[in-house]
């Protein structure tokens, strides 16, 4: 039996904003009934202010899925689209006072539906399926989704990926593939408990970035035949260049995200990593 907070119970038993907006400005339809969870989010947007004036949902899923979807609509109403996009799946869980770790995939589904609805409003075409190799056939989860969720939530184990995406929770055949993806993703040796100095001078920040690249990032890339070169540091912008096997690699975008996540954890949350 799952341990639900009072707020989860409230938003499940008395869901808010349930239904579908007539003539919505944006629609996000994610998940699959076949795979056990599905969510349709509809938005109404004020064209002048860019704010979400109304949001409704329809979901097929468990108590956590209903509560998470309901919480999402409450969180985004009154916010601009850009403000809404800053809401992560952990924000949804926190709003509810927490979710059982095995149910975190419900909050991830909410985040995905929000991104899909805003893309729909903005006229951004999304592929029918996420790019990347299908890893979990039981729950239709791709490698791209596993990497994205792992980076956003700093997941390092197969069990955590299962909690957040359901991948690996069916027949289990894909667990070794998930483990390989995580090993590749965190070849940068992600720290267990990142600790940042409270305040750094500019010289200290530059020295720390150089040290992390040399000791934490480069070894992992070199182990796979690649390399990295620090080109410049301009304020909060860190300019790098990939060398060796990393140069032109199709996964370089995910590697950049991993590097940026590490530097933000260990140096400053404002850092942005770019390639030359």
Protein backbone atom coordinates (compact mmCIF):
# COMPACT_ATOMS: atom_id res chain seq x y z
CA UNK A 1 0.00 0.00 0.00
CA UNK A 2 1.42 3.40 -1.00
CA UNK A 3 1.90 6.10 1.63
CA UNK A 4 0.07 9.15 0.27
CA UNK A 5 0.12 12.63 1.77
CA UNK A 6 -3.11 14.34 2.75
CA UNK A 7 -2.72 16.68 -0.22
CA UNK A 8 -2.37 13.79 -2.66
CA UNK A 9 -5.53 12.27 -1.24
CA UNK A 10 -7.33 15.62 -1.52
CA UNK A 11 -6.31 16.20 -5.15
CA UNK A 12 -7.23 12.61 -6.04
CA UNK A 13 -10.60 12.48 -4.28
CA UNK A 14 -11.52 16.07 -5.23
CA UNK A 15 -9.54 16.82 -8.40
CA UNK A 16 -9.47 20.40 -9.61
CA UNK A 17 -9.79 21.51 -13.25
CA UNK A 18 -10.84 18.12 -14.54
CA UNK A 19 -12.27 18.02 -18.06
CA UNK A 20 -11.39 19.54 -21.42
CA UNK A 21 -11.38 23.19 -22.51
CA UNK A 22 -13.61 23.89 -25.50
CA UNK A 23 -11.55 25.26 -28.41
CA UNK A 24 -8.26 25.18 -26.47
CA UNK A 25 -5.24 27.23 -27.50
CA UNK A 26 -2.84 24.42 -26.67
CA UNK A 27 -3.18 20.65 -26.30
CA UNK A 28 -0.69 18.21 -24.80
CA UNK A 29 -1.51 14.53 -25.21
CA UNK A 30 1.07 12.15 -23.72
CA UNK A 31 1.35 8.58 -22.51
CA UNK A 32 -0.69 5.61 -23.63
CA UNK A 33 -3.63 3.75 -22.15
CA UNK A 34 -2.00 0.56 -23.40
CA UNK A 35 1.06 1.32 -21.25
CA UNK A 36 -1.05 2.17 -18.22
CA UNK A 37 -0.89 5.98 -18.03
CA UNK A 38 -2.20 8.72 -20.32
CA UNK A 39 -2.78 12.44 -19.87
CA UNK A 40 -4.42 15.11 -22.00
CA UNK A 41 -3.82 18.72 -20.95
CA UNK A 42 -5.68 21.64 -22.57
CA UNK A 43 -4.77 25.30 -22.13
CA UNK A 44 -6.34 28.70 -22.68
CA UNK A 45 -3.80 31.48 -23.20
CA UNK A 46 -4.25 35.26 -23.14
CA UNK A 47 -2.69 36.41 -26.41
CA UNK A 48 -1.77 39.85 -25.06
CA UNK A 49 -0.09 38.84 -21.80
CA UNK A 50 1.01 35.33 -22.75
CA UNK A 51 -0.46 34.05 -19.48
CA UNK A 52 -2.31 30.77 -19.03
CA UNK A 53 -5.83 31.74 -18.04
CA UNK A 54 -7.25 28.24 -17.75
CA UNK A 55 -6.01 24.65 -17.73
CA UNK A 56 -7.92 21.38 -17.61
CA UNK A 57 -6.91 17.74 -17.73
CA UNK A 58 -8.21 14.29 -18.51
CA UNK A 59 -6.13 11.36 -17.31
CA UNK A 60 -6.13 7.59 -17.28
CA UNK A 61 -4.07 6.35 -14.37
CA UNK A 62 -3.71 5.82 -10.65
CA UNK A 63 -4.36 8.16 -7.73
CA UNK A 64 -0.91 9.73 -8.13
CA UNK A 65 -1.53 10.41 -11.82
CA UNK A 66 -4.83 12.15 -11.09
CA UNK A 67 -3.39 14.14 -8.19
CA UNK A 68 -0.28 15.14 -10.17
CA UNK A 69 -2.34 16.26 -13.16
CA UNK A 70 -4.68 18.27 -10.95
CA UNK A 71 -1.73 19.86 -9.12
CA UNK A 72 -0.11 20.78 -12.44
CA UNK A 73 -3.17 22.74 -13.58
CA UNK A 74 -3.18 24.68 -10.31
CA UNK A 75 0.53 25.45 -10.60
CA UNK A 76 0.42 26.82 -14.15
CA UNK A 77 -2.74 28.94 -14.11
CA UNK A 78 -1.89 32.63 -14.07
CA UNK A 79 1.69 32.06 -15.20
CA UNK A 80 3.23 33.05 -18.54
CA UNK A 81 4.23 30.22 -20.83
CA UNK A 82 7.92 30.72 -20.04
CA UNK A 83 7.20 30.75 -16.32
CA UNK A 84 5.16 27.57 -16.65
CA UNK A 85 7.98 25.82 -18.51
CA UNK A 86 10.24 26.37 -15.50
CA UNK A 87 7.99 24.09 -13.44
CA UNK A 88 9.64 20.68 -13.17
CA UNK A 89 8.26 17.31 -12.19
CA UNK A 90 9.81 17.71 -8.73
CA UNK A 91 7.84 20.95 -8.28
CA UNK A 92 4.63 19.00 -8.91
CA UNK A 93 5.62 16.37 -6.34
CA UNK A 94 6.64 19.05 -3.81
CA UNK A 95 3.31 20.85 -4.29
CA UNK A 96 1.59 17.63 -3.22
CA UNK A 97 3.85 17.22 -0.20
CA UNK A 98 5.73 14.44 -1.93
CA UNK A 99 4.92 11.31 -3.92
CA UNK A 100 5.92 7.68 -3.30
CA UNK A 101 9.19 7.16 -5.17
CA UNK A 102 7.53 4.43 -7.24
CA UNK A 103 5.00 7.01 -8.47
CA UNK A 104 7.34 9.79 -9.56
CA UNK A 105 6.63 8.87 -13.18
CA UNK A 106 3.22 10.50 -12.72
CA UNK A 107 4.81 13.89 -12.12
CA UNK A 108 7.11 13.34 -15.12
CA UNK A 109 4.06 12.69 -17.30
CA UNK A 110 2.61 16.02 -16.14
CA UNK A 111 5.77 17.87 -17.12
CA UNK A 112 5.74 16.19 -20.54
CA UNK A 113 2.10 17.13 -21.15
CA UNK A 114 2.84 20.75 -20.26
CA UNK A 115 5.76 20.93 -22.69
CA UNK A 116 3.64 19.30 -25.41
CA UNK A 117 0.72 21.71 -24.87
CA UNK A 118 2.96 24.79 -25.01
CA UNK A 119 4.71 23.48 -28.14
CA UNK A 120 1.28 22.95 -29.67
CA UNK A 121 0.27 26.52 -28.85
CA UNK A 122 3.50 27.88 -30.32
CA UNK A 123 3.14 25.82 -33.48
CA UNK A 124 6.20 23.70 -32.78
CA UNK A 125 5.85 20.29 -34.37
CA UNK A 126 6.77 17.35 -32.16
CA UNK A 127 7.69 13.90 -33.48
CA UNK A 128 5.12 11.15 -33.03
CA UNK A 129 7.69 9.38 -30.88
CA UNK A 130 10.63 10.87 -29.06
CA UNK A 131 13.87 10.68 -30.99
CA UNK A 132 16.18 7.87 -30.03
CA UNK A 133 16.16 4.12 -29.77
CA UNK A 134 13.21 2.44 -28.08
CA UNK A 135 14.65 0.91 -24.92
CA UNK A 136 11.64 -0.30 -22.92
CA UNK A 137 9.07 -1.99 -25.15
CA UNK A 138 6.74 -2.71 -22.23
CA UNK A 139 6.18 1.00 -21.52
CA UNK A 140 7.33 2.56 -24.80
CA UNK A 141 10.26 4.50 -23.29
CA UNK A 142 13.09 5.73 -25.51
CA UNK A 143 16.76 6.29 -24.75
CA UNK A 144 16.25 10.03 -25.23
CA UNK A 145 13.57 10.14 -22.53
CA UNK A 146 15.71 8.12 -20.11
CA UNK A 147 18.63 10.49 -20.60
CA UNK A 148 16.46 13.61 -20.27
CA UNK A 149 14.74 12.46 -17.07
CA UNK A 150 18.02 11.22 -15.58
CA UNK A 151 19.69 14.60 -16.13
CA UNK A 152 16.75 16.66 -14.86
CA UNK A 153 16.41 14.57 -11.69
CA UNK A 154 20.01 13.40 -11.26
CA UNK A 155 19.08 9.71 -11.42
CA UNK A 156 21.95 7.24 -11.25
CA UNK A 157 20.36 3.79 -10.82
CA UNK A 158 18.07 1.54 -12.85
CA UNK A 159 15.54 1.47 -9.99
CA UNK A 160 15.35 5.27 -10.02
CA UNK A 161 14.75 5.28 -13.79
CA UNK A 162 11.93 2.78 -13.26
CA UNK A 163 10.38 5.01 -10.59
CA UNK A 164 10.47 8.06 -12.85
CA UNK A 165 9.66 6.51 -16.27
CA UNK A 166 8.44 2.92 -15.58
CA UNK A 167 11.17 1.70 -17.95
CA UNK A 168 12.52 -1.62 -16.73
CA UNK A 169 9.48 -2.29 -14.58
CA UNK A 170 7.86 -4.80 -16.92
CA UNK A 171 9.65 -7.86 -18.26
CA UNK A 172 13.01 -6.47 -17.13
CA UNK A 173 14.85 -7.29 -20.35
CA UNK A 174 15.85 -3.66 -20.86
CA UNK A 175 17.47 -3.18 -17.45
CA UNK A 176 20.97 -3.88 -18.76
CA UNK A 177 20.40 -1.32 -21.54
CA UNK A 178 19.25 1.26 -18.99
CA UNK A 179 22.34 0.57 -16.89
CA UNK A 180 24.55 1.10 -19.95
CA UNK A 181 22.82 4.40 -20.75
CA UNK A 182 23.37 5.63 -17.19
CA UNK A 183 27.00 4.53 -17.24
CA UNK A 184 27.54 6.46 -20.47
CA UNK A 185 25.61 9.50 -19.24
CA UNK A 186 27.37 9.74 -15.91
CA UNK A 187 30.82 8.86 -17.22
CA UNK A 188 31.44 12.41 -16.05
CA UNK A 189 31.44 10.95 -12.51
CA UNK A 190 28.53 12.82 -10.99
CA UNK A 191 29.05 13.59 -7.30
CA UNK A 192 26.78 12.02 -4.68
CA UNK A 193 26.35 15.21 -2.69
CA UNK A 194 27.54 18.29 -4.57
CA UNK A 195 28.87 21.00 -2.33
CA UNK A 196 29.34 24.56 -3.60
CA UNK A 197 31.19 27.39 -1.91
CA UNK A 198 28.72 30.07 -0.80
CA UNK A 199 30.44 32.79 -2.82
CA UNK A 200 33.30 32.72 -5.31
CA UNK A 201 35.47 35.46 -6.67
CA UNK A 202 35.82 35.50 -10.45
CA UNK A 203 39.30 33.99 -10.22
CA UNK A 204 38.09 31.26 -7.85
CA UNK A 205 35.21 30.44 -10.22
CA UNK A 206 37.54 30.12 -13.21
CA UNK A 207 39.98 27.96 -11.25
CA UNK A 208 37.18 25.69 -9.99
CA UNK A 209 35.72 25.24 -13.49
CA UNK A 210 39.16 24.31 -14.82
CA UNK A 211 39.70 21.85 -11.97
CA UNK A 212 36.34 20.13 -12.46
CA UNK A 213 36.89 19.76 -16.19
CA UNK A 214 40.35 18.28 -15.64
CA UNK A 215 39.51 15.94 -12.75
CA UNK A 216 35.83 15.06 -13.25
CA UNK A 217 34.91 15.49 -16.90
CA UNK A 218 37.96 14.82 -19.09
CA UNK A 219 38.78 11.33 -17.70
CA UNK A 220 35.32 10.02 -18.51
CA UNK A 221 35.41 11.35 -22.07
CA UNK A 222 38.95 10.10 -22.67
CA UNK A 223 37.92 6.62 -21.54
CA UNK A 224 35.60 6.51 -24.57
CA UNK A 225 38.18 7.94 -26.98
CA UNK A 226 36.99 11.53 -26.73
CA UNK A 227 38.28 14.69 -25.12
CA UNK A 228 37.30 18.22 -24.17
CA UNK A 229 39.05 21.57 -24.38
CA UNK A 230 38.15 24.62 -22.31
CA UNK A 231 38.15 27.53 -24.78
CA UNK A 232 36.98 30.49 -22.72
CA UNK A 233 34.99 31.63 -19.68
CA UNK A 234 33.02 34.83 -20.19
CA UNK A 235 31.03 35.75 -17.09
CA UNK A 236 28.62 32.82 -16.67
CA UNK A 237 29.26 31.43 -20.16
CA UNK A 238 31.66 28.48 -20.40
CA UNK A 239 32.85 27.80 -23.96
CA UNK A 240 34.19 24.33 -24.69
CA UNK A 241 35.19 22.27 -27.72
CA UNK A 242 34.93 18.52 -28.14
CA UNK A 243 37.90 16.58 -29.47
CA UNK A 244 38.53 13.02 -30.62
CA UNK A 245 35.52 10.72 -30.76
CA UNK A 246 33.37 13.39 -29.09
CA UNK A 247 33.78 15.72 -32.05
CA UNK A 248 30.65 15.45 -34.17
CA UNK A 249 29.12 12.78 -31.92
CA UNK A 250 25.33 12.56 -32.26
CA UNK A 251 25.03 12.50 -28.47
CA UNK A 252 27.09 15.65 -27.95
CA UNK A 253 23.97 17.60 -26.99
CA UNK A 254 23.28 15.27 -24.08
CA UNK A 255 26.95 15.40 -23.08
CA UNK A 256 26.80 19.20 -22.98
CA UNK A 257 23.73 18.97 -20.71
CA UNK A 258 25.62 16.60 -18.42
CA UNK A 259 28.62 18.94 -18.23
CA UNK A 260 26.40 21.95 -17.60
CA UNK A 261 24.51 20.09 -14.85
CA UNK A 262 27.77 19.16 -13.13
CA UNK A 263 29.20 22.69 -13.31
CA UNK A 264 25.96 24.17 -12.02
CA UNK A 265 25.98 21.75 -9.09
CA UNK A 266 29.60 22.36 -8.17
CA UNK A 267 30.20 25.98 -9.18
CA UNK A 268 27.16 28.16 -9.95
CA UNK A 269 23.55 27.61 -10.97
CA UNK A 270 23.89 30.45 -13.50
CA UNK A 271 26.54 28.78 -15.67
CA UNK A 272 25.72 28.06 -19.30
CA UNK A 273 27.87 25.70 -21.37
CA UNK A 274 28.27 26.29 -25.09
CA UNK A 275 30.44 24.70 -27.78
CA UNK A 276 32.69 26.54 -30.15
